[in-house]
Amino acid sequence: MPTVLLLESVHPVADGLLKAEGFTVQRIDGSPKEAELCERIKGVQYLGIRSKTQVTPKVLAAADSLQAVGAFCIGTNQVALDEAQRRGVAVFNAPFSNTRSVAELVMAEVVVLSRHLCDRVMEMHQGEWRKVATGSHEVRGKTLGIVGYGHIGSQMGVLAEFFGMRVCFFDVAAKLPMSNNQSMPSLDALLEASDFVTLHVPETSQTKSMIGAKQLKKMKKGACLINYSRGTVVDLEALAEALKSGHLGGAAVDVFPEEPESNTASGFKTPLQGLKNVILTPHVGGSTLEAQEAIGREVSAALSKFAKAGATTGAVNFPMVELAPTPDTHRVVHVHRNVPGVLRDVNTIVSDLKANIQGQMLSTTPEIGYLVMDMSSPVANEVVGRLNALDTTIRARAL
């Protein structure tokens, strides 16, 4: 029975689903440091994490049995993806399950920023009564600019139109607009046209510091910036200056370049603290009970399909392969370096064992190939043994 180690309070629905699929489930509260995780991961075939646990090259080197990592969240920058791929460890995430939670919260913050509600709330807590309309506006008729028109961004566009907003978006890839959302030719064009700009991009070398002083100056005077993507996307010092100068009218930030490792940490600092009409939240964009349960189901299903059928649909560092099961066959999966001649060697091994291939699917990236193969003869273990003897093999296993 494969062992799965769940960290960081992954939703308990995952336990039941994985146990039902034949996994032995272990749990550790919190996020272990690198040294502890290196010890804990020995003998573990599947690892479940959230955003805090760092699966470093050292952790992967210590993982003597690891087949896959399930990130029970959207981001996977906490995992050394290239090293995992090199070692034949698939990494899965949950790109869909918390999109609604994030979109709803961002839409709420558009309204809150437009009405300066956080300032009014704080004043009331301090015993001040300031019934004023200065700076308060309806969002109807305003323009929302969405940077990154993926699962979250496209939902944002639909919700904003229900509020009567105009919606424009910019994405580096061509995307089909939802409803009346309008694609913009460049980031600068979007910044210049928008009353509210919301960011929904992954952490890459291209998105690091993509919103700095230069980009903030292009935004409308009085506009608001919302960042629910990654902490490295926005230069917070430049954002603070734009807010202090009055060029921007407000901001909402949920992600930061450096975040505490636990809820017990104190002394968190950011240059945005104490500024007017600024909403600061501790990375809770997708933190609803509905989202966490949906993530638990989505990632558990991906790990189960990989363990039992070799399916890599949804993996972020593996080729996408999902071969429909063939009755009365024996399945082998093979991760190998993507060099010429591997498929020839695989077929030679099967032929030498006088087995008939009933189904076979291969897909590659520039670095690795991933093969799923069904055979009519019960020689899967012997095929795996011979595959593992090839110098091109990263990992082979019989299912």
Protein backbone atom coordinates (compact mmCIF):
# COMPACT_ATOMS: atom_id res chain seq x y z
CA MET A 1 0.00 0.00 0.00
CA PRO A 2 1.58 3.32 -1.02
CA THR A 3 2.24 5.82 1.75
CA VAL A 4 1.17 9.45 1.46
CA LEU A 5 2.44 12.06 3.91
CA LEU A 6 0.14 15.08 4.32
CA LEU A 7 1.48 18.34 5.77
CA GLU A 8 0.16 21.80 6.65
CA SER A 9 -3.37 20.77 7.66
CA VAL A 10 -4.48 19.63 4.21
CA HIS A 11 -8.29 19.37 4.33
CA PRO A 12 -9.32 16.07 6.03
CA VAL A 13 -11.46 15.10 3.03
CA ALA A 14 -8.16 14.03 1.45
CA ASP A 15 -7.63 11.36 4.13
CA GLY A 16 -10.86 9.56 3.37
CA LEU A 17 -10.46 9.74 -0.40
CA LEU A 18 -6.87 8.50 -0.35
CA LYS A 19 -7.57 5.72 2.14
CA ALA A 20 -10.46 4.57 -0.05
CA GLU A 21 -7.99 4.26 -2.93
CA GLY A 22 -5.63 2.09 -0.88
CA PHE A 23 -3.16 4.64 0.45
CA THR A 24 -1.68 4.57 3.94
CA VAL A 25 -2.08 8.16 5.16
CA GLN A 26 0.32 9.85 7.55
CA ARG A 27 0.01 13.44 8.81
CA ILE A 28 2.34 16.04 10.29
CA ASP A 29 0.98 19.32 11.59
CA GLY A 30 2.62 22.44 10.25
CA SER A 31 5.45 22.77 7.77
CA PRO A 32 8.65 20.87 8.68
CA LYS A 33 12.01 22.53 8.17
CA GLU A 34 14.30 21.09 5.48
CA ALA A 35 16.31 18.84 7.82
CA GLU A 36 13.21 17.34 9.44
CA LEU A 37 11.48 16.81 6.12
CA CYS A 38 14.56 15.04 4.76
CA GLU A 39 14.15 12.48 7.54
CA ARG A 40 10.36 12.24 7.43
CA ILE A 41 10.17 11.71 3.68
CA LYS A 42 12.20 8.50 3.64
CA GLY A 43 10.01 5.60 2.50
CA VAL A 44 7.18 7.94 1.46
CA GLN A 45 5.81 7.48 -2.07
CA TYR A 46 3.48 10.51 -2.17
CA LEU A 47 3.76 13.89 -0.44
CA GLY A 48 0.93 16.39 0.11
CA ILE A 49 1.84 20.01 0.89
CA ARG A 50 0.40 23.50 0.76
CA SER A 51 2.22 26.78 0.15
CA LYS A 52 4.66 26.88 3.09
CA THR A 53 6.57 23.60 2.77
CA GLN A 54 9.72 23.94 0.70
CA VAL A 55 10.48 20.82 -1.33
CA THR A 56 14.10 21.65 -2.09
CA PRO A 57 16.67 19.70 -4.13
CA LYS A 58 18.06 18.43 -0.81
CA VAL A 59 14.64 17.11 0.21
CA LEU A 60 14.18 15.43 -3.17
CA ALA A 61 17.63 13.84 -2.88
CA ALA A 62 16.64 12.40 0.51
CA ALA A 63 13.32 11.06 -0.83
CA ASP A 64 14.28 7.47 -1.61
CA SER A 65 10.78 6.35 -2.69
CA LEU A 66 8.96 9.51 -3.76
CA GLN A 67 6.75 9.18 -6.85
CA ALA A 68 4.76 12.42 -6.78
CA VAL A 69 4.10 15.64 -4.87
CA GLY A 70 0.59 17.01 -4.54
CA ALA A 71 0.47 20.77 -3.93
CA PHE A 72 -2.93 21.36 -2.30
CA CYS A 73 -2.96 24.95 -3.60
CA ILE A 74 -2.48 26.78 -6.90
CA GLY A 75 1.20 27.74 -6.75
CA THR A 76 4.08 25.30 -7.11
CA ASN A 77 7.03 27.68 -6.73
CA GLN A 78 7.71 26.05 -3.32
CA VAL A 79 8.80 22.89 -5.15
CA ALA A 80 12.09 22.53 -7.04
CA LEU A 81 10.25 21.54 -10.22
CA ASP A 82 13.28 21.00 -12.47
CA GLU A 83 14.96 18.79 -9.89
CA ALA A 84 11.73 16.86 -9.33
CA GLN A 85 11.42 16.28 -13.07
CA ARG A 86 15.05 15.15 -13.29
CA ARG A 87 14.37 12.58 -10.58
CA GLY A 88 11.11 11.41 -12.15
CA VAL A 89 8.85 12.92 -9.47
CA ALA A 90 5.58 14.31 -10.84
CA VAL A 91 4.13 17.45 -9.25
CA PHE A 92 0.39 18.16 -9.24
CA ASN A 93 -1.52 21.24 -8.07
CA ALA A 94 -5.10 22.51 -7.87
CA PRO A 95 -5.50 25.18 -10.55
CA PHE A 96 -9.31 25.31 -10.44
CA SER A 97 -10.67 24.65 -6.96
CA ASN A 98 -10.17 27.98 -5.20
CA THR A 99 -10.62 30.31 -8.17
CA ARG A 100 -14.12 31.33 -7.10
CA SER A 101 -13.00 32.10 -3.56
CA VAL A 102 -10.25 34.40 -4.83
CA ALA A 103 -12.48 36.09 -7.40
CA GLU A 104 -15.22 36.81 -4.86
CA LEU A 105 -12.79 38.34 -2.37
CA VAL A 106 -11.11 40.52 -4.99
CA MET A 107 -14.50 41.78 -6.15
CA ALA A 108 -15.40 42.61 -2.56
CA GLU A 109 -12.16 44.54 -2.18
CA VAL A 110 -12.89 46.56 -5.31
CA VAL A 111 -16.03 47.81 -3.54
CA VAL A 112 -14.26 48.28 -0.20
CA LEU A 113 -11.48 50.34 -1.80
CA SER A 114 -13.96 52.39 -3.77
CA ARG A 115 -15.78 53.33 -0.54
CA HIS A 116 -12.69 53.64 1.74
CA LEU A 117 -14.47 51.24 4.07
CA CYS A 118 -11.37 50.00 5.91
CA ASP A 119 -10.57 53.54 7.01
CA ARG A 120 -14.16 54.09 8.21
CA VAL A 121 -14.12 50.76 10.09
CA MET A 122 -10.84 51.60 11.84
CA GLU A 123 -12.11 55.05 12.80
CA MET A 124 -15.23 53.53 14.35
CA HIS A 125 -13.12 51.07 16.36
CA GLN A 126 -11.16 54.06 17.64
CA GLY A 127 -14.34 55.89 18.65
CA GLU A 128 -14.44 58.31 15.71
CA TRP A 129 -17.64 59.04 13.79
CA ARG A 130 -16.85 60.30 10.27
CA LYS A 131 -19.89 60.09 8.02
CA VAL A 132 -18.29 61.41 4.82
CA ALA A 133 -18.65 60.76 1.10
CA THR A 134 -15.30 62.27 0.13
CA GLY A 135 -13.47 59.86 -2.18
CA SER A 136 -16.30 57.33 -2.12
CA HIS A 137 -17.66 56.13 -5.46
CA GLU A 138 -19.87 53.46 -6.96
CA VAL A 139 -17.97 50.85 -8.97
CA ARG A 140 -20.66 50.85 -11.65
CA GLY A 141 -19.28 52.40 -14.82
CA LYS A 142 -15.66 52.11 -13.68
CA THR A 143 -13.06 50.06 -15.54
CA LEU A 144 -11.46 46.95 -14.06
CA GLY A 145 -8.17 45.91 -15.64
CA ILE A 146 -7.21 42.25 -15.19
CA VAL A 147 -3.56 41.24 -15.66
CA GLY A 148 -3.47 37.49 -16.27
CA TYR A 149 -6.68 36.18 -17.81
CA GLY A 150 -6.61 32.60 -16.56
CA HIS A 151 -8.97 30.69 -14.30
CA ILE A 152 -9.25 33.49 -11.73
CA GLY A 153 -8.93 36.45 -14.09
CA SER A 154 -11.71 35.29 -16.39
CA GLN A 155 -14.06 34.74 -13.43
CA MET A 156 -13.19 38.21 -12.19
CA GLY A 157 -14.30 39.62 -15.54
CA VAL A 158 -17.70 37.93 -15.31
CA LEU A 159 -18.32 39.08 -11.72
CA ALA A 160 -17.24 42.65 -12.45
CA GLU A 161 -19.67 42.95 -15.35
CA PHE A 162 -22.50 41.91 -13.03
CA PHE A 163 -21.54 44.98 -10.98
CA GLY A 164 -21.87 47.15 -14.09
CA MET A 165 -18.13 47.60 -14.60
CA ARG A 166 -16.28 47.77 -17.88
CA VAL A 167 -13.62 45.06 -18.06
CA CYS A 168 -10.37 44.90 -19.96
CA PHE A 169 -7.57 42.36 -19.65
CA PHE A 170 -4.02 41.67 -20.72
CA ASP A 171 -2.37 38.26 -21.01
CA VAL A 172 0.83 37.16 -22.73
CA ALA A 173 -1.13 34.33 -24.38
CA ALA A 174 -4.12 34.80 -26.66
CA LYS A 175 -7.32 34.27 -24.63
CA LEU A 176 -10.96 34.15 -25.66
CA PRO A 177 -12.79 37.01 -23.88
CA MET A 178 -15.66 36.15 -21.57
CA SER A 179 -18.88 38.16 -22.06
CA ASN A 180 -17.97 41.75 -23.05
CA ASN A 181 -14.43 41.67 -21.61
CA GLN A 182 -11.99 43.46 -23.89
CA SER A 183 -8.44 42.35 -24.61
CA MET A 184 -5.76 45.07 -24.41
CA PRO A 185 -2.69 45.16 -26.68
CA SER A 186 -0.21 45.77 -23.85
CA LEU A 187 0.20 46.04 -20.10
CA ASP A 188 0.78 49.78 -20.40
CA ALA A 189 -2.48 50.23 -22.31
CA LEU A 190 -4.36 48.38 -19.58
CA LEU A 191 -2.75 50.40 -16.78
CA GLU A 192 -3.63 53.68 -18.47
CA ALA A 193 -7.29 52.70 -19.02
CA SER A 194 -8.18 51.14 -15.65
CA ASP A 195 -9.66 52.52 -12.45
CA PHE A 196 -8.82 49.26 -10.68
CA VAL A 197 -5.99 46.90 -11.67
CA THR A 198 -6.00 43.34 -10.32
CA LEU A 199 -3.06 40.95 -10.80
CA HIS A 200 -3.48 37.21 -11.38
CA VAL A 201 -0.18 35.97 -12.84
CA PRO A 202 2.19 33.14 -11.83
CA GLU A 203 5.64 33.70 -10.37
CA THR A 204 8.14 33.56 -13.24
CA SER A 205 11.25 35.46 -14.29
CA GLN A 206 9.00 37.54 -16.56
CA THR A 207 6.55 38.52 -13.80
CA LYS A 208 9.09 39.34 -11.10
CA SER A 209 8.77 43.07 -10.31
CA MET A 210 6.51 43.52 -13.33
CA ILE A 211 4.72 46.32 -11.44
CA GLY A 212 7.30 48.90 -10.34
CA ALA A 213 7.56 52.67 -10.18
CA LYS A 214 7.42 53.03 -13.96
CA GLN A 215 4.23 50.99 -14.29
CA LEU A 216 2.57 52.65 -11.28
CA LYS A 217 3.10 56.08 -12.85
CA LYS A 218 1.18 54.92 -15.91
CA MET A 219 -1.89 54.15 -13.83
CA LYS A 220 -4.68 56.72 -13.56
CA LYS A 221 -4.46 59.20 -10.72
CA GLY A 222 -6.63 57.83 -7.93
CA ALA A 223 -6.66 54.28 -9.33
CA CYS A 224 -6.31 51.24 -7.05
CA LEU A 225 -4.00 48.22 -7.34
CA ILE A 226 -4.91 44.73 -6.11
CA ASN A 227 -2.36 41.91 -5.92
CA TYR A 228 -3.59 38.36 -5.32
CA SER A 229 -0.94 36.70 -7.48
CA ARG A 230 2.58 36.40 -6.01
CA GLY A 231 4.51 38.62 -3.64
CA THR A 232 7.41 39.17 -6.03
CA VAL A 233 5.21 40.68 -8.75
CA VAL A 234 4.91 44.15 -7.17
CA ASP A 235 7.65 46.48 -5.89
CA LEU A 236 6.09 47.31 -2.50
CA GLU A 237 8.40 50.25 -1.82
CA ALA A 238 7.35 51.85 -5.10
CA LEU A 239 3.69 51.08 -4.34
CA ALA A 240 4.00 52.73 -0.93
CA GLU A 241 5.47 55.85 -2.52
CA ALA A 242 2.68 56.00 -5.10
CA LEU A 243 0.11 55.81 -2.29
CA LYS A 244 1.85 58.40 -0.09
CA SER A 245 2.13 60.85 -2.99
CA GLY A 246 -1.58 60.53 -3.70
CA HIS A 247 -1.06 59.24 -7.22
CA LEU A 248 -2.85 56.00 -6.32
CA GLY A 249 -6.05 56.03 -4.33
CA GLY A 250 -5.69 52.66 -2.63
CA ALA A 251 -4.36 49.12 -2.72
CA ALA A 252 -5.18 45.61 -1.54
CA VAL A 253 -2.32 43.15 -1.08
CA ASP A 254 -2.65 39.51 0.00
CA VAL A 255 0.80 38.18 -0.96
CA PHE A 256 4.26 39.37 0.01
CA PRO A 257 7.88 38.71 -1.06
CA GLU A 258 8.64 37.17 2.33
CA GLU A 259 5.87 35.61 4.39
CA PRO A 260 5.97 34.14 7.92
CA GLU A 261 6.27 30.37 8.05
CA SER A 262 3.50 29.93 10.62
CA ASN A 263 0.50 31.66 12.16
CA THR A 264 2.41 32.01 15.44
CA ALA A 265 5.01 34.33 13.94
CA SER A 266 4.93 37.97 15.01
CA GLY A 267 6.61 41.18 13.91
CA PHE A 268 5.51 41.05 10.26
CA LYS A 269 6.62 44.20 8.42
CA THR A 270 5.73 45.77 5.10
CA PRO A 271 6.12 49.35 3.81
CA LEU A 272 2.35 49.44 3.24
CA GLN A 273 1.44 49.31 6.92
CA GLY A 274 -0.34 52.38 8.26
CA LEU A 275 -1.23 53.84 4.88
CA LYS A 276 -4.73 55.13 4.11
CA ASN A 277 -7.16 52.98 2.09
CA VAL A 278 -4.83 49.98 2.05
CA ILE A 279 -6.13 46.45 2.71
CA LEU A 280 -3.51 43.98 3.96
CA THR A 281 -4.43 40.31 4.34
CA PRO A 282 -2.24 37.27 5.24
CA HIS A 283 -2.42 35.25 2.01
CA VAL A 284 -6.06 34.24 2.50
CA GLY A 285 -7.33 34.71 -1.06
CA GLY A 286 -8.30 31.07 -1.49
CA SER A 287 -8.85 30.31 2.19
CA THR A 288 -12.48 29.30 2.40
CA LEU A 289 -13.78 26.00 3.68
CA GLU A 290 -15.40 25.32 0.30
CA ALA A 291 -12.14 25.95 -1.55
CA GLN A 292 -10.02 23.86 0.81
CA GLU A 293 -12.39 20.90 0.52
CA ALA A 294 -12.49 21.21 -3.27
CA ILE A 295 -8.68 21.37 -3.37
CA GLY A 296 -8.51 18.27 -1.17
CA ARG A 297 -10.70 16.42 -3.63
CA GLU A 298 -8.94 17.68 -6.77
CA VAL A 299 -5.37 16.88 -5.72
CA SER A 300 -6.30 13.57 -4.07
CA ALA A 301 -7.93 12.48 -7.33
CA ALA A 302 -4.84 13.46 -9.32
CA LEU A 303 -2.52 11.51 -6.99
CA SER A 304 -4.80 8.45 -7.11
CA LYS A 305 -4.98 8.46 -10.91
CA PHE A 306 -1.20 8.77 -11.13
CA ALA A 307 -0.61 5.98 -8.61
CA LYS A 308 -3.13 3.54 -10.10
CA ALA A 309 -3.15 4.39 -13.81
CA GLY A 310 -0.01 6.46 -14.41
CA ALA A 311 -2.11 9.44 -15.55
CA THR A 312 -0.22 12.75 -15.51
CA THR A 313 -3.09 15.02 -16.54
CA GLY A 314 -2.68 18.17 -14.46
CA ALA A 315 1.01 17.66 -13.67
CA VAL A 316 3.04 20.87 -13.89
CA ASN A 317 6.44 19.30 -14.63
CA PHE A 318 5.58 16.15 -16.62
CA PRO A 319 4.24 15.53 -20.13
CA MET A 320 0.47 15.04 -20.15
CA VAL A 321 -0.39 11.36 -20.66
CA GLU A 322 -3.62 9.57 -19.78
CA LEU A 323 -4.09 6.20 -21.47
CA ALA A 324 -7.54 4.65 -21.19
CA PRO A 325 -7.34 1.30 -19.34
CA THR A 326 -7.31 -1.83 -21.46
CA PRO A 327 -9.03 -4.88 -19.92
CA ASP A 328 -6.91 -7.90 -18.97
CA THR A 329 -3.57 -6.14 -19.48
CA HIS A 330 -0.52 -5.27 -17.37
CA ARG A 331 0.56 -1.62 -17.25
CA VAL A 332 4.08 -0.20 -17.06
CA VAL A 333 5.05 3.47 -16.84
CA HIS A 334 8.49 4.73 -17.84
CA VAL A 335 10.14 8.09 -17.20
CA HIS A 336 13.26 8.57 -19.26
CA ARG A 337 15.64 11.14 -20.67
CA ASN A 338 14.35 12.50 -23.96
CA VAL A 339 17.01 11.16 -26.31
CA PRO A 340 16.72 9.22 -29.60
CA GLY A 341 16.25 5.46 -29.45
CA VAL A 342 14.42 5.03 -26.15
CA LEU A 343 11.15 3.80 -27.64
CA ARG A 344 13.10 1.36 -29.83
CA ASP A 345 14.82 -0.03 -26.71
CA VAL A 346 11.50 -0.33 -24.86
CA ASN A 347 9.83 -2.19 -27.71
CA THR A 348 12.86 -4.48 -28.06
CA ILE A 349 12.61 -5.43 -24.38
CA VAL A 350 8.91 -6.22 -24.70
CA SER A 351 9.47 -8.14 -27.92
CA ASP A 352 12.28 -10.22 -26.40
CA LEU A 353 9.89 -11.25 -23.63
CA LYS A 354 7.34 -12.25 -26.27
CA ALA A 355 4.71 -9.88 -24.89
CA ASN A 356 2.16 -8.09 -27.06
CA ILE A 357 1.62 -4.34 -26.59
CA GLN A 358 -2.12 -3.64 -26.39
CA GLY A 359 -1.85 0.10 -25.82
CA GLN A 360 0.98 2.59 -25.71
CA MET A 361 1.16 6.38 -25.26
CA LEU A 362 4.30 8.53 -25.17
CA SER A 363 4.68 12.26 -24.66
CA THR A 364 7.82 14.34 -24.16
CA THR A 365 9.20 17.64 -22.96
CA PRO A 366 12.63 18.82 -24.12
CA GLU A 367 14.12 17.09 -21.06
CA ILE A 368 12.11 13.92 -20.38
CA GLY A 369 9.77 11.44 -21.98
CA TYR A 370 6.86 9.71 -20.24
CA LEU A 371 5.52 6.41 -21.54
CA VAL A 372 2.46 4.44 -20.44
CA MET A 373 2.19 0.95 -21.90
CA ASP A 374 -0.29 -1.96 -21.56
CA MET A 375 0.86 -5.52 -22.32
CA SER A 376 -1.14 -8.70 -22.70
CA SER A 377 1.40 -10.92 -20.92
CA PRO A 378 2.14 -10.87 -17.14
CA VAL A 379 5.77 -9.79 -17.56
CA ALA A 380 5.46 -6.23 -16.23
CA ASN A 381 7.93 -6.73 -13.38
CA GLU A 382 10.55 -8.20 -15.69
CA VAL A 383 10.03 -5.37 -18.18
CA VAL A 384 10.53 -2.85 -15.38
CA GLY A 385 13.71 -4.56 -14.27
CA ARG A 386 15.16 -4.40 -17.79
CA LEU A 387 13.99 -0.80 -18.27
CA ASN A 388 15.71 0.27 -15.06
CA ALA A 389 18.94 -1.22 -16.43
CA LEU A 390 18.92 1.25 -19.35
CA ASP A 391 21.13 4.31 -18.86
CA THR A 392 18.37 6.48 -20.31
CA THR A 393 15.84 5.45 -17.64
CA ILE A 394 14.95 7.83 -14.83
CA ARG A 395 12.27 5.63 -13.32
CA ALA A 396 10.07 2.70 -14.34
CA ARG A 397 7.31 0.98 -12.38
CA ALA A 398 4.61 -1.61 -12.86
CA LEU A 399 1.06 -0.71 -11.83
